[in-house]
Amino acid sequence: MDTKVQKPNKQTLQGIVVSDKMDKTIVVEITMRKLHPLYKKYVTRSKRIKAHDEQNEAHVGDTVRVIESRPMSREKRWRLAEIVERAK
């Protein structure tokens, strides 16, 4: 039985790793473009989340996909699903 089966009700996000200094934890910056309701211009919004990286395989600059998980600490509620693209 495959252990990496993703349930469809789990949210996934894609972003860039901005810090990997903690042990088994990465900080991922998620950037979104939203249309302003009044001015009809696109505004860039970003947020930083902490994600669990069990093997410490993601590094700064990598594009990663994270998936929702159970709370692992006070701030960690995401885990690394896959590394989409490595930093150059």
N, C-alpha and C. Protein backbone atom coordinates (compact mmCIF):
# COMPACT_ATOMS: atom_id res chain seq x y z
N MET A 1 0.84 -1.18 0.00
CA MET A 1 0.00 0.00 0.00
C MET A 1 0.88 1.24 0.00
N ASP A 2 0.55 2.19 -0.85
CA ASP A 2 1.34 3.41 -0.99
C ASP A 2 1.07 4.35 0.18
N THR A 3 2.13 4.84 0.83
CA THR A 3 1.97 5.69 2.01
C THR A 3 1.83 7.17 1.65
N LYS A 4 2.13 7.56 0.42
CA LYS A 4 2.08 8.97 0.03
C LYS A 4 0.81 9.29 -0.76
N VAL A 5 -0.30 8.68 -0.40
CA VAL A 5 -1.57 8.96 -1.06
C VAL A 5 -2.11 10.27 -0.50
N GLN A 6 -2.40 11.22 -1.39
CA GLN A 6 -2.91 12.51 -0.96
C GLN A 6 -4.44 12.51 -1.04
N LYS A 7 -5.06 12.94 0.04
CA LYS A 7 -6.51 13.02 0.04
C LYS A 7 -6.94 14.30 -0.69
N PRO A 8 -8.05 14.24 -1.41
CA PRO A 8 -8.45 15.41 -2.21
C PRO A 8 -8.89 16.61 -1.38
N ASN A 9 -9.22 16.43 -0.10
CA ASN A 9 -9.68 17.56 0.69
C ASN A 9 -8.54 18.30 1.38
N LYS A 10 -7.30 17.92 1.15
CA LYS A 10 -6.16 18.62 1.73
C LYS A 10 -5.72 19.73 0.77
N GLN A 11 -5.49 20.91 1.33
CA GLN A 11 -5.08 22.05 0.52
C GLN A 11 -3.59 21.96 0.21
N THR A 12 -3.20 22.27 -1.02
CA THR A 12 -1.79 22.32 -1.39
C THR A 12 -1.45 23.71 -1.88
N LEU A 13 -0.25 24.17 -1.58
CA LEU A 13 0.24 25.47 -2.01
C LEU A 13 1.62 25.30 -2.61
N GLN A 14 2.01 26.22 -3.48
CA GLN A 14 3.33 26.20 -4.09
C GLN A 14 4.03 27.51 -3.80
N GLY A 15 5.31 27.42 -3.44
CA GLY A 15 6.05 28.63 -3.11
C GLY A 15 7.54 28.40 -3.16
N ILE A 16 8.30 29.39 -2.71
CA ILE A 16 9.76 29.35 -2.76
C ILE A 16 10.29 29.30 -1.34
N VAL A 17 11.29 28.43 -1.12
CA VAL A 17 11.91 28.30 0.20
C VAL A 17 12.78 29.53 0.44
N VAL A 18 12.53 30.24 1.54
CA VAL A 18 13.32 31.42 1.88
C VAL A 18 14.25 31.18 3.05
N SER A 19 14.04 30.08 3.80
CA SER A 19 14.93 29.74 4.90
C SER A 19 14.89 28.24 5.15
N ASP A 20 16.09 27.68 5.41
CA ASP A 20 16.18 26.26 5.77
C ASP A 20 17.12 26.07 6.96
N LYS A 21 17.23 27.10 7.80
CA LYS A 21 18.18 27.08 8.91
C LYS A 21 17.73 26.20 10.07
N MET A 22 16.43 25.97 10.19
CA MET A 22 15.94 25.14 11.29
C MET A 22 16.06 23.66 10.93
N ASP A 23 16.12 22.81 11.94
CA ASP A 23 16.21 21.38 11.70
C ASP A 23 14.83 20.83 11.37
N LYS A 24 14.71 20.18 10.21
CA LYS A 24 13.48 19.56 9.72
C LYS A 24 12.35 20.56 9.50
N THR A 25 12.68 21.83 9.31
CA THR A 25 11.68 22.86 9.06
C THR A 25 12.17 23.80 7.98
N ILE A 26 11.27 24.17 7.06
CA ILE A 26 11.59 25.17 6.04
C ILE A 26 10.55 26.28 6.13
N VAL A 27 10.94 27.48 5.72
CA VAL A 27 10.02 28.60 5.63
C VAL A 27 9.76 28.83 4.14
N VAL A 28 8.49 28.77 3.76
CA VAL A 28 8.09 28.88 2.36
C VAL A 28 7.29 30.16 2.19
N GLU A 29 7.65 30.95 1.17
CA GLU A 29 6.92 32.17 0.88
C GLU A 29 5.96 31.89 -0.27
N ILE A 30 4.68 32.11 -0.01
CA ILE A 30 3.62 31.90 -0.99
C ILE A 30 3.24 33.27 -1.54
N THR A 31 3.29 33.44 -2.86
CA THR A 31 2.95 34.71 -3.50
C THR A 31 1.67 34.53 -4.31
N MET A 32 0.72 35.43 -4.09
CA MET A 32 -0.56 35.39 -4.80
C MET A 32 -0.83 36.74 -5.46
N ARG A 33 -1.47 36.72 -6.60
CA ARG A 33 -1.90 37.95 -7.26
C ARG A 33 -3.41 38.03 -7.18
N LYS A 34 -3.91 39.11 -6.58
CA LYS A 34 -5.36 39.28 -6.41
C LYS A 34 -5.80 40.55 -7.12
N LEU A 35 -6.98 40.50 -7.70
CA LEU A 35 -7.56 41.67 -8.36
C LEU A 35 -8.22 42.56 -7.32
N HIS A 36 -7.83 43.83 -7.30
CA HIS A 36 -8.43 44.78 -6.36
C HIS A 36 -9.87 45.05 -6.80
N PRO A 37 -10.83 44.96 -5.88
CA PRO A 37 -12.24 45.07 -6.28
C PRO A 37 -12.65 46.44 -6.83
N LEU A 38 -12.03 47.50 -6.33
CA LEU A 38 -12.42 48.84 -6.77
C LEU A 38 -11.56 49.33 -7.93
N TYR A 39 -10.25 49.18 -7.80
CA TYR A 39 -9.34 49.77 -8.79
C TYR A 39 -9.00 48.83 -9.95
N LYS A 40 -9.42 47.59 -9.88
CA LYS A 40 -9.24 46.62 -10.96
C LYS A 40 -7.77 46.45 -11.36
N LYS A 41 -6.88 46.59 -10.41
CA LYS A 41 -5.46 46.32 -10.64
C LYS A 41 -5.06 45.10 -9.83
N TYR A 42 -4.07 44.37 -10.34
CA TYR A 42 -3.60 43.21 -9.61
C TYR A 42 -2.61 43.63 -8.54
N VAL A 43 -2.82 43.12 -7.32
CA VAL A 43 -1.97 43.42 -6.18
C VAL A 43 -1.29 42.12 -5.78
N THR A 44 0.02 42.18 -5.55
CA THR A 44 0.76 41.00 -5.14
C THR A 44 0.73 40.89 -3.62
N ARG A 45 0.26 39.77 -3.14
CA ARG A 45 0.21 39.48 -1.70
C ARG A 45 1.07 38.25 -1.44
N SER A 46 1.78 38.27 -0.32
CA SER A 46 2.60 37.10 0.01
C SER A 46 2.45 36.77 1.48
N LYS A 47 2.66 35.51 1.80
CA LYS A 47 2.66 35.08 3.19
C LYS A 47 3.72 34.00 3.36
N ARG A 48 4.22 33.90 4.58
CA ARG A 48 5.26 32.92 4.89
C ARG A 48 4.68 31.87 5.81
N ILE A 49 4.93 30.62 5.47
CA ILE A 49 4.47 29.53 6.31
C ILE A 49 5.65 28.62 6.63
N LYS A 50 5.55 27.93 7.75
CA LYS A 50 6.57 26.96 8.14
C LYS A 50 6.07 25.57 7.77
N ALA A 51 6.94 24.77 7.17
CA ALA A 51 6.56 23.43 6.73
C ALA A 51 7.57 22.41 7.23
N HIS A 52 7.09 21.20 7.48
CA HIS A 52 7.93 20.11 7.98
C HIS A 52 8.66 19.46 6.80
N ASP A 53 9.98 19.34 6.93
CA ASP A 53 10.82 18.71 5.91
C ASP A 53 11.63 17.61 6.61
N GLU A 54 11.13 16.40 6.59
CA GLU A 54 11.69 15.30 7.39
C GLU A 54 13.15 15.00 7.07
N GLN A 55 13.53 14.99 5.78
CA GLN A 55 14.90 14.64 5.41
C GLN A 55 15.80 15.84 5.19
N ASN A 56 15.36 17.04 5.48
CA ASN A 56 16.14 18.26 5.24
C ASN A 56 16.63 18.33 3.80
N GLU A 57 15.75 18.04 2.84
CA GLU A 57 16.17 17.98 1.43
C GLU A 57 15.92 19.26 0.66
N ALA A 58 15.07 20.16 1.14
CA ALA A 58 14.80 21.42 0.45
C ALA A 58 15.77 22.49 0.94
N HIS A 59 16.22 23.34 0.01
CA HIS A 59 17.17 24.39 0.33
C HIS A 59 16.65 25.73 -0.18
N VAL A 60 17.30 26.81 0.22
CA VAL A 60 16.88 28.16 -0.14
C VAL A 60 16.85 28.31 -1.66
N GLY A 61 15.76 28.85 -2.17
CA GLY A 61 15.61 29.08 -3.60
C GLY A 61 14.83 27.99 -4.32
N ASP A 62 14.63 26.84 -3.70
CA ASP A 62 13.87 25.76 -4.33
C ASP A 62 12.39 26.12 -4.39
N THR A 63 11.75 25.72 -5.48
CA THR A 63 10.30 25.84 -5.58
C THR A 63 9.70 24.54 -5.08
N VAL A 64 8.82 24.64 -4.08
CA VAL A 64 8.28 23.44 -3.44
C VAL A 64 6.76 23.49 -3.40
N ARG A 65 6.18 22.30 -3.22
CA ARG A 65 4.74 22.19 -3.01
C ARG A 65 4.54 21.65 -1.60
N VAL A 66 3.70 22.32 -0.83
CA VAL A 66 3.42 21.90 0.55
C VAL A 66 1.95 21.51 0.66
N ILE A 67 1.67 20.62 1.62
CA ILE A 67 0.31 20.12 1.81
C ILE A 67 -0.07 20.29 3.27
N GLU A 68 -1.35 20.52 3.51
CA GLU A 68 -1.87 20.65 4.86
C GLU A 68 -1.61 19.38 5.66
N SER A 69 -1.36 19.52 6.95
CA SER A 69 -1.20 18.35 7.81
C SER A 69 -1.63 18.70 9.22
N ARG A 70 -1.49 17.73 10.10
CA ARG A 70 -1.85 17.96 11.49
C ARG A 70 -0.85 18.95 12.09
N PRO A 71 -1.20 19.64 13.16
CA PRO A 71 -0.24 20.54 13.80
C PRO A 71 0.96 19.78 14.36
N MET A 72 2.16 20.19 13.95
CA MET A 72 3.38 19.53 14.41
C MET A 72 4.09 20.35 15.48
N SER A 73 3.80 21.63 15.54
CA SER A 73 4.31 22.50 16.58
C SER A 73 3.38 23.71 16.65
N ARG A 74 3.83 24.74 17.35
CA ARG A 74 2.97 25.91 17.51
C ARG A 74 2.66 26.59 16.18
N GLU A 75 3.60 26.60 15.24
CA GLU A 75 3.42 27.29 13.97
C GLU A 75 3.40 26.37 12.75
N LYS A 76 3.86 25.14 12.88
CA LYS A 76 3.93 24.23 11.72
C LYS A 76 2.64 23.47 11.53
N ARG A 77 1.94 23.76 10.42
CA ARG A 77 0.73 23.04 10.05
C ARG A 77 0.80 22.54 8.61
N TRP A 78 1.96 22.54 8.01
CA TRP A 78 2.16 22.11 6.63
C TRP A 78 3.34 21.15 6.60
N ARG A 79 3.38 20.33 5.54
CA ARG A 79 4.54 19.46 5.33
C ARG A 79 4.91 19.48 3.86
N LEU A 80 6.18 19.20 3.61
CA LEU A 80 6.69 19.21 2.25
C LEU A 80 6.11 18.04 1.48
N ALA A 81 5.47 18.31 0.35
CA ALA A 81 4.92 17.26 -0.50
C ALA A 81 5.93 16.87 -1.57
N GLU A 82 6.51 17.88 -2.25
CA GLU A 82 7.50 17.58 -3.28
C GLU A 82 8.30 18.84 -3.60
N ILE A 83 9.47 18.62 -4.17
CA ILE A 83 10.30 19.72 -4.66
C ILE A 83 10.04 19.82 -6.15
N VAL A 84 9.43 20.91 -6.57
CA VAL A 84 9.05 21.09 -7.97
C VAL A 84 10.27 21.42 -8.82
N GLU A 85 11.10 22.36 -8.31
CA GLU A 85 12.28 22.78 -9.08
C GLU A 85 13.38 23.17 -8.10
N ARG A 86 14.58 22.69 -8.38
CA ARG A 86 15.74 23.01 -7.55
C ARG A 86 16.29 24.38 -7.92
N ALA A 87 16.90 25.05 -6.94
CA ALA A 87 17.54 26.34 -7.20
C ALA A 87 18.78 26.13 -8.05
N LYS A 88 19.12 27.11 -8.85
CA LYS A 88 20.27 26.97 -9.74
C LYS A 88 21.55 27.27 -9.06
